[in-house]
Amino acid sequence: MAVEAAQVIAGRGLSGDRMTQRAHRIRQVTVIAQEAIDEVARRLGLPPIDPALLRRNVVTRGVDLEAARGQRLRLGEVWLDVTGPCDPCGRMDEALGEGGCDAMRDLGGLTAVVLQGGVLRLGGSVTVERTAPPGRAGAT
């Protein structure tokens, strides 16, 4: 569901999301670009797709998520460590119709762990960072 703001918990994910119910090492938060969602709709010949159908936690616009692979994302006060691609699953055929999973191949977004929690706000800034959050060991 879309919300104006969400509490993000370091080492867990978004408060109230199923990810916080169990310890996940690499998939605490999922991120997808609106531009990727638009491309999936184009591939399938669909009208604009409601991002909620794709079951990703965060939707960005104007951010090169490919450049974020192996980096960190800063979403306002929240810091994420990108852990890899968020490959589409068979549920995408259910959500988008036949071929949905194939249409999302290479466009499924990213998985990440939460390095520093905080409040994530709709319309907040998103940047790709090479360093750790302030006060965290392991800065690169």
Protein backbone atom coordinates (compact mmCIF):
# COMPACT_ATOMS: atom_id res chain seq x y z
CA MET A 1 0.00 0.00 0.00
CA ALA A 2 1.19 3.52 -0.66
CA VAL A 3 1.89 5.69 2.38
CA GLU A 4 3.13 9.25 2.96
CA ALA A 5 5.76 8.13 5.48
CA ALA A 6 7.14 4.88 6.90
CA GLN A 7 9.38 4.03 9.81
CA VAL A 8 12.45 2.09 8.69
CA ILE A 9 14.24 -0.08 11.25
CA ALA A 10 17.99 -0.68 10.99
CA GLY A 11 18.77 -4.32 10.33
CA ARG A 12 15.10 -5.20 9.76
CA GLY A 13 13.15 -3.20 7.15
CA LEU A 14 9.95 -1.16 7.09
CA SER A 15 7.86 -1.21 10.24
CA GLY A 16 4.73 -3.26 9.66
CA ASP A 17 6.09 -4.94 6.53
CA ARG A 18 6.47 -8.70 6.48
CA MET A 19 10.26 -8.28 6.22
CA THR A 20 10.43 -7.11 9.82
CA GLN A 21 8.83 -10.34 11.02
CA ARG A 22 11.93 -12.41 10.35
CA ALA A 23 15.63 -11.72 10.13
CA HIS A 24 16.59 -11.22 6.51
CA ARG A 25 20.20 -10.85 5.59
CA ILE A 26 19.94 -9.36 2.12
CA ARG A 27 16.31 -8.44 1.43
CA GLN A 28 15.07 -6.06 4.10
CA VAL A 29 13.89 -3.41 1.62
CA THR A 30 13.15 -3.58 -2.10
CA VAL A 31 13.53 -0.61 -4.45
CA ILE A 32 12.32 -0.14 -8.03
CA ALA A 33 12.48 2.80 -10.46
CA GLN A 34 9.25 4.29 -11.81
CA GLU A 35 10.97 4.33 -15.20
CA ALA A 36 11.30 0.52 -14.99
CA ILE A 37 7.61 0.19 -14.12
CA ASP A 38 6.76 2.34 -17.16
CA GLU A 39 8.95 0.12 -19.37
CA VAL A 40 7.22 -3.02 -18.09
CA ALA A 41 3.84 -1.49 -18.98
CA ARG A 42 5.18 -0.64 -22.45
CA ARG A 43 6.52 -4.19 -22.96
CA LEU A 44 3.15 -5.66 -22.00
CA GLY A 45 1.04 -3.09 -23.85
CA LEU A 46 -0.67 -2.08 -20.61
CA PRO A 47 -1.83 1.29 -19.30
CA PRO A 48 0.22 2.71 -16.41
CA ILE A 49 0.85 0.07 -13.74
CA ASP A 50 0.01 0.71 -10.09
CA PRO A 51 3.39 0.25 -8.35
CA ALA A 52 1.65 -1.52 -5.44
CA LEU A 53 1.02 -4.49 -7.76
CA LEU A 54 4.77 -5.11 -7.98
CA ARG A 55 5.26 -5.59 -4.23
CA ARG A 56 8.32 -3.35 -3.89
CA ASN A 57 8.81 -1.17 -0.83
CA VAL A 58 10.22 1.98 -2.46
CA VAL A 59 9.64 3.52 -5.88
CA THR A 60 12.17 6.07 -7.12
CA ARG A 61 12.07 8.50 -10.02
CA GLY A 62 15.10 9.95 -11.80
CA VAL A 63 17.63 7.76 -9.97
CA ASP A 64 19.96 5.43 -11.88
CA LEU A 65 19.43 2.27 -9.84
CA GLU A 66 21.88 0.37 -12.05
CA ALA A 67 24.60 2.70 -10.71
CA ALA A 68 23.49 1.80 -7.19
CA ARG A 69 24.43 -1.87 -7.48
CA GLY A 70 27.13 -2.54 -4.91
CA GLN A 71 26.68 0.96 -3.47
CA ARG A 72 24.52 2.58 -0.82
CA LEU A 73 21.30 4.48 -1.23
CA ARG A 74 20.46 7.44 0.96
CA LEU A 75 16.73 8.10 1.21
CA GLY A 76 16.53 11.20 3.38
CA GLU A 77 17.85 10.04 6.77
CA VAL A 78 17.61 6.34 5.86
CA TRP A 79 20.69 4.51 4.51
CA LEU A 80 20.45 1.26 2.56
CA ASP A 81 23.25 -1.07 1.50
CA VAL A 82 22.30 -2.49 -1.92
CA THR A 83 22.70 -6.27 -1.88
CA GLY A 84 21.62 -7.25 -5.40
CA PRO A 85 18.86 -7.44 -7.96
CA CYS A 86 15.24 -8.02 -6.99
CA ASP A 87 14.39 -10.64 -9.57
CA PRO A 88 10.73 -10.98 -10.51
CA CYS A 89 8.82 -14.06 -9.45
CA GLY A 90 5.80 -15.94 -10.77
CA ARG A 91 3.52 -13.64 -8.79
CA MET A 92 4.20 -11.03 -11.47
CA ASP A 93 2.25 -13.17 -13.95
CA GLU A 94 -0.65 -13.08 -11.49
CA ALA A 95 -0.37 -9.32 -10.97
CA LEU A 96 0.30 -8.25 -14.56
CA GLY A 97 -1.04 -11.11 -16.64
CA GLU A 98 0.73 -13.71 -18.72
CA GLY A 99 4.27 -12.64 -19.50
CA GLY A 100 4.50 -10.29 -16.52
CA CYS A 101 7.49 -12.07 -15.02
CA ASP A 102 9.34 -12.10 -18.35
CA ALA A 103 8.54 -8.41 -18.97
CA MET A 104 10.12 -7.53 -15.61
CA ARG A 105 13.35 -9.41 -16.29
CA ASP A 106 16.25 -7.02 -15.58
CA LEU A 107 13.73 -4.38 -14.42
CA GLY A 108 12.74 -5.81 -11.03
CA GLY A 109 14.76 -3.34 -8.99
CA LEU A 110 17.13 -3.93 -6.10
CA THR A 111 17.24 -5.56 -2.69
CA ALA A 112 18.93 -3.84 0.23
CA VAL A 113 19.61 -4.02 3.95
CA VAL A 114 18.97 -1.09 6.27
CA LEU A 115 22.19 0.38 7.66
CA GLN A 116 20.55 3.36 9.34
CA GLY A 117 16.84 3.60 10.02
CA GLY A 118 14.60 6.61 10.28
CA VAL A 119 11.48 7.99 8.67
CA LEU A 120 11.14 7.50 4.94
CA ARG A 121 8.94 10.20 3.39
CA LEU A 122 7.10 10.31 0.09
CA GLY A 123 8.87 12.73 -2.25
CA GLY A 124 12.11 12.70 -0.23
CA SER A 125 15.55 12.86 -1.77
CA VAL A 126 17.30 9.71 -3.02
CA THR A 127 21.01 9.60 -3.80
CA VAL A 128 23.55 6.91 -4.60
CA GLU A 129 26.44 7.04 -2.11
CA ARG A 130 29.82 5.32 -1.92
CA THR A 131 30.35 5.93 1.79
CA ALA A 132 28.73 4.59 4.94
CA PRO A 133 26.31 6.73 6.96
CA PRO A 134 27.93 9.24 9.30
CA GLY A 135 29.22 7.58 12.46
CA ARG A 136 29.30 4.08 10.92
CA ALA A 137 32.43 2.02 10.59
CA GLY A 138 33.36 0.62 7.20
CA ALA A 139 33.19 3.81 5.14
CA THR A 140 34.67 3.34 1.72
